[in-house]
């Protein structure tokens, strides 16, 4: 059995190419397109729940984490984001099944697990929650 061809530094640092996926929401029936995120974008999304001073979780950011991820991932056919931060609160009025489905699709597509945010909180139980 031959060994796989190993990547070199130039190959590892080639510009990241976005991946896209079209999914159909189970309740509304709308088809939407989601994009992959870079490591930088995923890290920023995850760290947005940490307080600015690093001592706690921002409760509001934790509560809207699923909506913030959806806003980052939804794009049009050209790959341009179709939502912005002003849409985060509007997504709270969506059907819960559509939101849960889309959040799960986004987390899977960007390489997260649905439990990642919950795990982040669980592993940091001693940290103070900041409002």
N, C-alpha and C. Protein backbone atom coordinates (compact mmCIF):
# COMPACT_ATOMS: atom_id res chain seq x y z
N UNK A 1 0.85 -1.17 0.00
CA UNK A 1 0.00 0.00 0.00
C UNK A 1 0.90 1.24 0.00
N UNK A 2 0.65 2.17 -0.91
CA UNK A 2 1.49 3.36 -1.00
C UNK A 2 1.02 4.45 -0.04
N UNK A 3 1.96 5.26 0.41
CA UNK A 3 1.64 6.35 1.32
C UNK A 3 1.00 7.49 0.55
N UNK A 4 0.10 8.24 1.19
CA UNK A 4 -0.52 9.37 0.50
C UNK A 4 0.49 10.48 0.25
N UNK A 5 0.28 11.25 -0.80
CA UNK A 5 1.14 12.38 -1.12
C UNK A 5 0.88 13.47 -0.09
N UNK A 6 1.91 13.91 0.61
CA UNK A 6 1.76 14.90 1.66
C UNK A 6 1.76 16.31 1.10
N UNK A 7 0.93 17.17 1.68
CA UNK A 7 0.87 18.57 1.26
C UNK A 7 2.09 19.33 1.75
N UNK A 8 2.46 20.37 1.00
CA UNK A 8 3.54 21.25 1.44
C UNK A 8 2.93 22.55 1.96
N UNK A 9 3.76 23.45 2.48
CA UNK A 9 3.27 24.70 3.06
C UNK A 9 2.52 25.55 2.03
N UNK A 10 3.01 25.61 0.82
CA UNK A 10 2.34 26.39 -0.23
C UNK A 10 0.92 25.87 -0.47
N UNK A 11 0.75 24.58 -0.48
CA UNK A 11 -0.57 24.00 -0.68
C UNK A 11 -1.47 24.27 0.53
N UNK A 12 -0.91 24.17 1.73
CA UNK A 12 -1.71 24.39 2.94
C UNK A 12 -2.19 25.83 3.05
N UNK A 13 -1.41 26.78 2.55
CA UNK A 13 -1.77 28.19 2.68
C UNK A 13 -2.34 28.80 1.41
N UNK A 14 -2.77 27.96 0.48
CA UNK A 14 -3.45 28.46 -0.71
C UNK A 14 -4.75 29.12 -0.27
N UNK A 15 -5.21 30.13 -0.99
CA UNK A 15 -6.45 30.81 -0.58
C UNK A 15 -7.60 29.84 -0.38
N UNK A 16 -8.34 30.09 0.69
CA UNK A 16 -9.48 29.25 1.05
C UNK A 16 -10.59 29.41 0.02
N UNK A 17 -11.14 28.32 -0.43
CA UNK A 17 -12.27 28.37 -1.36
C UNK A 17 -13.54 28.06 -0.58
N UNK A 18 -14.54 28.91 -0.75
CA UNK A 18 -15.82 28.69 -0.09
C UNK A 18 -16.50 27.45 -0.65
N UNK A 19 -17.20 26.77 0.24
CA UNK A 19 -18.06 25.67 -0.17
C UNK A 19 -19.50 26.13 0.03
N UNK A 20 -20.39 25.68 -0.80
CA UNK A 20 -21.80 26.08 -0.73
C UNK A 20 -22.70 24.86 -0.71
N UNK A 21 -23.87 25.06 -0.13
CA UNK A 21 -24.85 23.99 -0.07
C UNK A 21 -26.23 24.64 -0.07
N UNK A 22 -27.15 24.06 -0.82
CA UNK A 22 -28.53 24.53 -0.84
C UNK A 22 -29.36 23.55 -0.02
N UNK A 23 -30.15 24.11 0.90
CA UNK A 23 -31.02 23.30 1.75
C UNK A 23 -32.44 23.85 1.67
N UNK A 24 -33.40 23.00 1.94
CA UNK A 24 -34.81 23.41 1.94
C UNK A 24 -35.34 23.34 3.36
N UNK A 25 -35.87 24.46 3.83
CA UNK A 25 -36.40 24.53 5.19
C UNK A 25 -37.64 23.65 5.30
N UNK A 26 -37.75 22.85 6.36
CA UNK A 26 -38.81 21.86 6.46
C UNK A 26 -40.22 22.43 6.63
N UNK A 27 -40.37 23.59 7.23
CA UNK A 27 -41.71 24.15 7.47
C UNK A 27 -42.11 25.12 6.37
N UNK A 28 -41.28 26.13 6.12
CA UNK A 28 -41.63 27.15 5.12
C UNK A 28 -41.46 26.64 3.70
N UNK A 29 -40.58 25.66 3.52
CA UNK A 29 -40.32 25.14 2.18
C UNK A 29 -39.37 25.99 1.36
N UNK A 30 -38.85 27.08 1.94
CA UNK A 30 -37.92 27.95 1.22
C UNK A 30 -36.58 27.24 1.04
N UNK A 31 -36.01 27.38 -0.15
CA UNK A 31 -34.65 26.89 -0.41
C UNK A 31 -33.70 28.04 -0.12
N UNK A 32 -32.64 27.75 0.62
CA UNK A 32 -31.63 28.75 0.95
C UNK A 32 -30.25 28.17 0.69
N UNK A 33 -29.30 29.07 0.46
CA UNK A 33 -27.92 28.67 0.19
C UNK A 33 -27.05 29.07 1.37
N UNK A 34 -26.25 28.13 1.86
CA UNK A 34 -25.34 28.42 2.95
C UNK A 34 -23.90 28.29 2.46
N UNK A 35 -23.02 29.06 3.12
CA UNK A 35 -21.62 29.02 2.75
C UNK A 35 -20.77 28.49 3.90
N UNK A 36 -19.59 28.01 3.56
CA UNK A 36 -18.62 27.62 4.59
C UNK A 36 -17.99 28.90 5.14
N UNK A 37 -17.33 28.77 6.28
CA UNK A 37 -16.65 29.89 6.90
C UNK A 37 -15.17 29.56 7.06
N UNK A 38 -14.36 30.59 7.11
CA UNK A 38 -12.93 30.38 7.37
C UNK A 38 -12.75 30.14 8.86
N UNK A 39 -11.59 29.68 9.24
CA UNK A 39 -11.28 29.49 10.66
C UNK A 39 -11.40 30.81 11.40
N UNK A 40 -10.96 31.89 10.79
CA UNK A 40 -11.07 33.22 11.41
C UNK A 40 -12.53 33.57 11.70
N UNK A 41 -13.40 33.33 10.74
CA UNK A 41 -14.82 33.64 10.91
C UNK A 41 -15.46 32.77 11.99
N UNK A 42 -15.10 31.50 12.03
CA UNK A 42 -15.62 30.60 13.07
C UNK A 42 -15.14 31.05 14.44
N UNK A 43 -13.86 31.39 14.55
CA UNK A 43 -13.31 31.84 15.83
C UNK A 43 -13.97 33.12 16.30
N UNK A 44 -14.21 34.05 15.39
CA UNK A 44 -14.90 35.29 15.77
C UNK A 44 -16.32 35.02 16.23
N UNK A 45 -17.00 34.12 15.53
CA UNK A 45 -18.36 33.75 15.94
C UNK A 45 -18.34 33.17 17.35
N UNK A 46 -17.42 32.24 17.61
CA UNK A 46 -17.36 31.60 18.92
C UNK A 46 -16.95 32.59 20.01
N UNK A 47 -15.99 33.45 19.73
CA UNK A 47 -15.51 34.37 20.75
C UNK A 47 -16.49 35.51 21.01
N UNK A 48 -17.46 35.71 20.14
CA UNK A 48 -18.46 36.77 20.35
C UNK A 48 -19.30 36.52 21.59
N UNK A 49 -19.31 35.29 22.09
CA UNK A 49 -20.07 35.00 23.32
C UNK A 49 -19.27 35.29 24.58
N UNK A 50 -17.97 35.52 24.42
CA UNK A 50 -17.11 35.81 25.57
C UNK A 50 -17.13 37.32 25.82
N UNK A 51 -17.22 37.72 27.05
CA UNK A 51 -17.22 39.15 27.40
C UNK A 51 -15.92 39.79 26.95
N UNK A 52 -15.98 41.06 26.69
CA UNK A 52 -14.81 41.81 26.20
C UNK A 52 -13.60 41.68 27.12
N UNK A 53 -13.84 41.58 28.42
CA UNK A 53 -12.71 41.46 29.34
C UNK A 53 -12.28 40.01 29.57
N UNK A 54 -12.94 39.08 28.87
CA UNK A 54 -12.57 37.68 28.96
C UNK A 54 -13.00 36.99 30.24
N UNK A 55 -13.86 37.62 31.03
CA UNK A 55 -14.23 37.03 32.32
C UNK A 55 -15.60 36.39 32.35
N UNK A 56 -16.33 36.41 31.27
CA UNK A 56 -17.66 35.83 31.33
C UNK A 56 -18.31 35.75 29.97
N UNK A 57 -19.54 35.25 29.97
CA UNK A 57 -20.31 35.13 28.74
C UNK A 57 -21.30 36.27 28.66
N UNK A 58 -21.48 36.82 27.48
CA UNK A 58 -22.51 37.81 27.26
C UNK A 58 -23.81 37.06 27.06
N UNK A 59 -24.73 37.17 28.01
CA UNK A 59 -25.97 36.41 27.96
C UNK A 59 -26.71 36.60 26.66
N UNK A 60 -26.84 37.84 26.19
CA UNK A 60 -27.56 38.11 24.95
C UNK A 60 -26.89 37.43 23.76
N UNK A 61 -25.57 37.43 23.73
CA UNK A 61 -24.85 36.79 22.63
C UNK A 61 -25.01 35.28 22.66
N UNK A 62 -25.09 34.72 23.85
CA UNK A 62 -25.29 33.29 23.99
C UNK A 62 -26.69 32.90 23.52
N UNK A 63 -27.67 33.74 23.87
CA UNK A 63 -29.05 33.45 23.50
C UNK A 63 -29.29 33.53 22.00
N UNK A 64 -28.56 34.39 21.29
CA UNK A 64 -28.80 34.53 19.86
C UNK A 64 -27.71 33.90 18.99
N UNK A 65 -26.91 33.02 19.58
CA UNK A 65 -25.79 32.40 18.85
C UNK A 65 -26.26 31.67 17.59
N UNK A 66 -27.36 30.95 17.66
CA UNK A 66 -27.83 30.22 16.47
C UNK A 66 -28.22 31.18 15.37
N UNK A 67 -28.86 32.29 15.74
CA UNK A 67 -29.27 33.27 14.73
C UNK A 67 -28.05 33.99 14.14
N UNK A 68 -27.04 34.27 14.96
CA UNK A 68 -25.83 34.92 14.45
C UNK A 68 -25.11 34.03 13.45
N UNK A 69 -25.08 32.72 13.71
CA UNK A 69 -24.43 31.81 12.76
C UNK A 69 -25.19 31.77 11.44
N UNK A 70 -26.50 31.71 11.52
CA UNK A 70 -27.32 31.70 10.30
C UNK A 70 -27.07 32.96 9.47
N UNK A 71 -26.99 34.11 10.13
CA UNK A 71 -26.73 35.38 9.43
C UNK A 71 -25.39 35.31 8.70
N UNK A 72 -24.38 34.70 9.31
CA UNK A 72 -23.07 34.58 8.67
C UNK A 72 -23.08 33.64 7.47
N UNK A 73 -23.95 32.66 7.50
CA UNK A 73 -23.89 31.59 6.50
C UNK A 73 -24.82 31.78 5.30
N UNK A 74 -25.94 32.48 5.45
CA UNK A 74 -26.88 32.59 4.34
C UNK A 74 -26.36 33.54 3.25
N UNK A 75 -26.30 33.03 2.03
CA UNK A 75 -25.79 33.82 0.90
C UNK A 75 -26.69 33.65 -0.32
N UNK A 76 -26.52 34.58 -1.28
CA UNK A 76 -27.26 34.48 -2.54
C UNK A 76 -26.47 33.62 -3.53
N UNK A 77 -26.95 33.55 -4.74
CA UNK A 77 -26.31 32.72 -5.76
C UNK A 77 -24.90 33.14 -6.10
N UNK A 78 -24.56 34.41 -5.86
CA UNK A 78 -23.22 34.92 -6.14
C UNK A 78 -22.29 34.79 -4.94
N UNK A 79 -22.82 34.31 -3.81
CA UNK A 79 -22.00 34.15 -2.62
C UNK A 79 -21.98 35.36 -1.72
N UNK A 80 -22.86 36.33 -1.96
CA UNK A 80 -22.95 37.51 -1.10
C UNK A 80 -23.92 37.24 0.04
N UNK A 81 -23.54 37.67 1.25
CA UNK A 81 -24.44 37.48 2.39
C UNK A 81 -25.74 38.21 2.13
N UNK A 82 -26.86 37.56 2.47
CA UNK A 82 -28.16 38.18 2.25
C UNK A 82 -28.73 38.79 3.53
N UNK A 83 -28.10 38.50 4.68
CA UNK A 83 -28.54 39.04 5.95
C UNK A 83 -27.38 39.77 6.62
N UNK A 84 -27.73 40.66 7.56
CA UNK A 84 -26.71 41.36 8.35
C UNK A 84 -27.15 41.35 9.81
N UNK A 85 -26.38 41.99 10.66
CA UNK A 85 -26.65 41.96 12.11
C UNK A 85 -28.04 42.49 12.47
N UNK A 86 -28.59 43.37 11.64
CA UNK A 86 -29.92 43.90 11.94
C UNK A 86 -31.02 42.84 11.80
N UNK A 87 -30.70 41.74 11.15
CA UNK A 87 -31.67 40.66 10.96
C UNK A 87 -31.68 39.65 12.10
N UNK A 88 -30.69 39.71 12.99
CA UNK A 88 -30.57 38.71 14.07
C UNK A 88 -31.84 38.67 14.91
N UNK A 89 -32.33 39.81 15.33
CA UNK A 89 -33.53 39.82 16.17
C UNK A 89 -34.77 39.40 15.39
N UNK A 90 -34.81 39.69 14.08
CA UNK A 90 -35.96 39.29 13.27
C UNK A 90 -36.06 37.77 13.14
N UNK A 91 -34.91 37.11 13.15
CA UNK A 91 -34.91 35.65 13.04
C UNK A 91 -35.52 34.98 14.26
N UNK A 92 -35.63 35.71 15.37
CA UNK A 92 -36.23 35.16 16.59
C UNK A 92 -37.71 34.84 16.37
N UNK A 93 -38.32 35.44 15.37
CA UNK A 93 -39.73 35.21 15.09
C UNK A 93 -39.96 34.11 14.05
N UNK A 94 -38.91 33.49 13.60
CA UNK A 94 -39.04 32.38 12.65
C UNK A 94 -39.63 31.16 13.34
N UNK A 95 -40.16 30.25 12.57
CA UNK A 95 -40.61 28.97 13.11
C UNK A 95 -39.40 28.27 13.72
N UNK A 96 -39.55 27.77 14.92
CA UNK A 96 -38.45 27.13 15.62
C UNK A 96 -37.87 25.93 14.89
N UNK A 97 -38.72 25.16 14.20
CA UNK A 97 -38.23 23.99 13.48
C UNK A 97 -37.34 24.40 12.30
N UNK A 98 -37.74 25.46 11.59
CA UNK A 98 -36.90 25.95 10.49
C UNK A 98 -35.57 26.46 11.02
N UNK A 99 -35.58 27.20 12.13
CA UNK A 99 -34.34 27.73 12.69
C UNK A 99 -33.43 26.62 13.18
N UNK A 100 -34.00 25.65 13.88
CA UNK A 100 -33.19 24.53 14.38
C UNK A 100 -32.57 23.75 13.22
N UNK A 101 -33.37 23.51 12.19
CA UNK A 101 -32.88 22.79 11.01
C UNK A 101 -31.73 23.56 10.36
N UNK A 102 -31.94 24.87 10.14
CA UNK A 102 -30.93 25.67 9.46
C UNK A 102 -29.67 25.81 10.31
N UNK A 103 -29.83 25.99 11.60
CA UNK A 103 -28.66 26.07 12.49
C UNK A 103 -27.85 24.77 12.43
N UNK A 104 -28.53 23.64 12.47
CA UNK A 104 -27.83 22.34 12.38
C UNK A 104 -27.12 22.19 11.05
N UNK A 105 -27.75 22.62 9.97
CA UNK A 105 -27.12 22.55 8.64
C UNK A 105 -25.89 23.45 8.60
N UNK A 106 -26.00 24.66 9.14
CA UNK A 106 -24.88 25.60 9.14
C UNK A 106 -23.73 25.08 9.99
N UNK A 107 -24.03 24.58 11.20
CA UNK A 107 -22.95 24.09 12.05
C UNK A 107 -22.21 22.94 11.38
N UNK A 108 -22.95 22.04 10.78
CA UNK A 108 -22.32 20.91 10.09
C UNK A 108 -21.47 21.40 8.91
N UNK A 109 -21.99 22.34 8.15
CA UNK A 109 -21.30 22.82 6.95
C UNK A 109 -20.01 23.57 7.28
N UNK A 110 -19.99 24.28 8.42
CA UNK A 110 -18.79 25.04 8.78
C UNK A 110 -17.83 24.24 9.65
N UNK A 111 -18.22 23.02 10.00
CA UNK A 111 -17.32 22.15 10.76
C UNK A 111 -17.48 22.22 12.26
N UNK A 112 -18.60 22.74 12.72
CA UNK A 112 -18.89 22.77 14.15
C UNK A 112 -19.88 21.66 14.46
N UNK A 113 -20.04 21.40 15.73
CA UNK A 113 -21.08 20.49 16.19
C UNK A 113 -22.15 21.35 16.84
N UNK A 114 -23.39 20.95 16.75
CA UNK A 114 -24.48 21.71 17.35
C UNK A 114 -24.25 21.95 18.83
N UNK A 115 -23.53 21.04 19.49
CA UNK A 115 -23.31 21.13 20.93
C UNK A 115 -22.12 22.02 21.30
N UNK A 116 -21.40 22.56 20.31
CA UNK A 116 -20.18 23.31 20.61
C UNK A 116 -20.41 24.50 21.54
N UNK A 117 -21.43 25.28 21.30
CA UNK A 117 -21.69 26.44 22.15
C UNK A 117 -22.11 25.97 23.54
N UNK A 118 -22.99 24.97 23.60
CA UNK A 118 -23.40 24.45 24.90
C UNK A 118 -22.21 23.89 25.66
N UNK A 119 -21.31 23.22 24.95
CA UNK A 119 -20.11 22.67 25.58
C UNK A 119 -19.19 23.76 26.08
N UNK A 120 -19.10 24.85 25.32
CA UNK A 120 -18.29 25.97 25.74
C UNK A 120 -18.78 26.52 27.06
N UNK A 121 -20.10 26.62 27.19
CA UNK A 121 -20.70 27.11 28.43
C UNK A 121 -20.49 26.10 29.55
N UNK A 122 -20.76 24.83 29.30
CA UNK A 122 -20.64 23.80 30.32
C UNK A 122 -19.22 23.72 30.87
N UNK A 123 -18.24 23.83 29.99
CA UNK A 123 -16.85 23.75 30.41
C UNK A 123 -16.37 25.00 31.11
N UNK A 124 -17.19 26.03 31.12
CA UNK A 124 -16.80 27.29 31.76
C UNK A 124 -17.80 27.69 32.82
N UNK A 125 -18.35 26.74 33.55
CA UNK A 125 -19.40 27.00 34.52
C UNK A 125 -19.00 28.01 35.59
N UNK A 126 -17.72 28.12 35.91
CA UNK A 126 -17.30 29.03 36.96
C UNK A 126 -17.17 30.46 36.49
N UNK A 127 -17.30 30.68 35.18
CA UNK A 127 -17.18 32.03 34.64
C UNK A 127 -18.49 32.78 34.85
N UNK A 128 -18.39 34.02 35.23
CA UNK A 128 -19.55 34.85 35.49
C UNK A 128 -20.25 35.23 34.19
N UNK A 129 -21.56 35.20 34.19
CA UNK A 129 -22.34 35.64 33.03
C UNK A 129 -22.46 37.16 33.09
N UNK A 130 -22.19 37.81 31.94
CA UNK A 130 -22.25 39.26 31.85
C UNK A 130 -23.44 39.65 30.99
N UNK A 131 -24.28 40.53 31.49
CA UNK A 131 -25.45 40.98 30.72
C UNK A 131 -25.10 42.11 29.77
